[in-house]
Amino acid sequence: MPISDILTLAKSTLPAVQTLLDDATANLREKVVADGRVSGALLEQHQDAAHALSWLATYSQALHQMAAWADRLNSDGKLGKMEQLILQIAFGEYLSQIAGGIPMSQGEIARLQDFGLTMPDTPEIATLMAEGNTSKA
């Protein structure tokens, strides 16, 4: 059974995810920009952080696109139970991975703390992380 009003709940988490991405981008920019330009040497030195940022950006965009997909279905009167569950599971899983670490490869995990960040403590994010991708879904 989908979480009640899953579309509104999912969309309410997007500003926090965008803020994480913006803050991580600013954090990396401070490390790799010299004299107003990206330094190849500094980028190489911080390639792990650049790789992690690209994964965070991918997850952020995936969540934004999932919400847009569900919005279109909802506008067309086609956001059924199955589609709501897909949205719920996607948000639950991706938010949990953003909070705990995004697997980039078998031995590499992108963690928010690598950027000096923590997952925002909002009831909406907490609900989706706790109930979004469970056996009940």
Protein backbone atom coordinates (compact mmCIF):
# COMPACT_ATOMS: atom_id res chain seq x y z
CA MET A 1 0.00 0.00 0.00
CA PRO A 2 1.50 3.38 -0.98
CA ILE A 3 2.19 5.99 1.67
CA SER A 4 -0.68 8.49 1.80
CA ASP A 5 -0.19 11.38 -0.64
CA ILE A 6 3.16 10.00 -1.76
CA LEU A 7 3.56 12.50 -4.59
CA THR A 8 3.36 15.51 -2.27
CA LEU A 9 5.61 13.80 0.26
CA ALA A 10 8.23 12.89 -2.35
CA LYS A 11 8.24 16.35 -3.91
CA SER A 12 8.67 17.95 -0.48
CA THR A 13 12.10 16.31 -0.14
CA LEU A 14 13.48 17.74 -3.38
CA PRO A 15 14.58 21.15 -2.02
CA ALA A 16 16.66 19.44 0.68
CA VAL A 17 18.27 17.12 -1.88
CA GLN A 18 19.01 20.11 -4.12
CA THR A 19 20.57 21.96 -1.19
CA LEU A 20 22.81 18.96 -0.49
CA LEU A 21 23.93 18.93 -4.11
CA ASP A 22 24.52 22.70 -4.13
CA ASP A 23 26.53 22.53 -0.90
CA ALA A 24 28.58 19.54 -2.12
CA THR A 25 29.28 21.39 -5.38
CA ALA A 26 30.43 24.49 -3.49
CA ASN A 27 32.60 22.32 -1.24
CA LEU A 28 34.31 20.68 -4.23
CA ARG A 29 34.66 24.01 -6.04
CA GLU A 30 36.63 25.37 -3.08
CA LYS A 31 39.05 22.46 -3.47
CA VAL A 32 39.58 22.49 -7.23
CA VAL A 33 39.38 26.15 -8.30
CA ALA A 34 42.56 28.22 -8.34
CA ASP A 35 42.78 31.74 -9.74
CA GLY A 36 39.12 31.60 -10.82
CA ARG A 37 39.55 28.44 -12.91
CA VAL A 38 39.31 24.72 -12.36
CA SER A 39 42.82 23.39 -11.88
CA GLY A 40 43.51 20.06 -13.56
CA ALA A 41 46.06 19.19 -10.89
CA LEU A 42 43.63 20.00 -8.07
CA LEU A 43 40.84 18.11 -9.82
CA GLU A 44 43.13 15.08 -10.10
CA GLN A 45 44.04 15.44 -6.43
CA HIS A 46 40.33 15.49 -5.48
CA GLN A 47 39.06 13.07 -8.13
CA ASP A 48 37.35 10.91 -5.47
CA ALA A 49 35.27 13.91 -4.39
CA ALA A 50 34.51 14.80 -8.03
CA HIS A 51 33.38 11.23 -8.66
CA ALA A 52 31.22 11.31 -5.53
CA LEU A 53 29.69 14.61 -6.59
CA SER A 54 28.76 13.18 -9.97
CA TRP A 55 26.94 10.31 -8.28
CA LEU A 56 25.12 12.67 -5.91
CA ALA A 57 24.10 14.79 -8.91
CA THR A 58 22.84 11.67 -10.69
CA TYR A 59 20.74 10.61 -7.69
CA SER A 60 19.37 14.14 -7.29
CA GLN A 61 18.39 14.30 -10.95
CA ALA A 62 16.84 10.83 -10.78
CA LEU A 63 14.62 11.91 -7.89
CA HIS A 64 13.63 15.12 -9.68
CA GLN A 65 12.75 13.14 -12.82
CA MET A 66 10.78 10.53 -10.83
CA ALA A 67 8.71 13.33 -9.29
CA ALA A 68 8.16 14.95 -12.69
CA TRP A 69 7.08 11.58 -14.15
CA ALA A 70 4.60 11.06 -11.32
CA ASP A 71 3.35 14.65 -11.71
CA ARG A 72 2.62 14.04 -15.40
CA LEU A 73 0.81 10.80 -14.62
CA ASN A 74 -1.17 12.51 -11.88
CA SER A 75 -2.17 15.35 -14.23
CA ASP A 76 -3.40 12.76 -16.73
CA GLY A 77 -5.32 10.86 -14.05
CA LYS A 78 -3.01 7.85 -14.46
CA LEU A 79 -1.08 7.82 -11.19
CA GLY A 80 -2.30 4.46 -9.96
CA LYS A 81 -1.25 2.31 -7.03
CA MET A 82 1.61 0.66 -8.95
CA GLU A 83 3.04 4.01 -10.07
CA GLN A 84 2.74 5.41 -6.55
CA LEU A 85 4.65 2.42 -5.20
CA ILE A 86 7.38 2.85 -7.82
CA LEU A 87 7.72 6.49 -6.75
CA GLN A 88 7.71 5.58 -3.07
CA ILE A 89 10.31 2.83 -3.42
CA ALA A 90 12.58 4.98 -5.58
CA PHE A 91 12.51 7.85 -3.11
CA GLY A 92 12.87 5.57 -0.08
CA GLU A 93 15.87 3.77 -1.56
CA TYR A 94 17.68 6.76 -3.05
CA LEU A 95 17.22 8.95 0.03
CA SER A 96 18.53 6.10 2.19
CA GLN A 97 21.55 5.68 -0.06
CA ILE A 98 22.25 9.42 -0.10
CA ALA A 99 22.11 9.41 3.72
CA GLY A 100 24.16 6.25 4.24
CA GLY A 101 26.43 6.24 1.22
CA ILE A 102 25.96 5.94 -2.52
CA PRO A 103 27.71 2.87 -3.92
CA MET A 104 29.93 4.05 -6.78
CA SER A 105 31.68 0.70 -7.26
CA GLN A 106 32.39 -2.39 -5.18
CA GLY A 107 34.96 -0.56 -3.12
CA GLU A 108 33.92 3.09 -3.41
CA ILE A 109 31.10 4.77 -1.53
CA ALA A 110 30.15 8.43 -1.77
CA ARG A 111 29.31 9.69 1.70
CA LEU A 112 27.88 13.06 2.65
CA GLN A 113 30.44 13.44 5.41
CA ASP A 114 33.15 13.43 2.74
CA PHE A 115 31.72 16.84 1.79
CA GLY A 116 31.29 17.92 5.40
CA LEU A 117 27.53 17.44 5.07
CA THR A 118 24.79 15.51 6.86
CA MET A 119 21.37 14.42 5.71
CA PRO A 120 18.72 17.00 6.58
CA ASP A 121 16.58 15.89 9.51
CA THR A 122 13.09 16.45 8.14
CA PRO A 123 9.97 14.41 8.89
CA GLU A 124 9.38 13.91 5.16
CA ILE A 125 12.83 12.47 4.53
CA ALA A 126 12.61 10.35 7.69
CA THR A 127 9.23 8.92 6.62
CA LEU A 128 10.44 7.98 3.16
CA MET A 129 13.67 6.48 4.48
CA ALA A 130 11.79 4.44 7.10
CA GLU A 131 8.75 3.41 5.07
CA GLY A 132 9.57 3.99 1.41
CA ASN A 133 11.32 0.78 0.44
CA THR A 134 10.11 -1.92 2.79
CA SER A 135 8.61 -5.36 2.39
CA LYS A 136 5.18 -3.75 2.93
CA ALA A 137 5.72 -1.68 -0.22
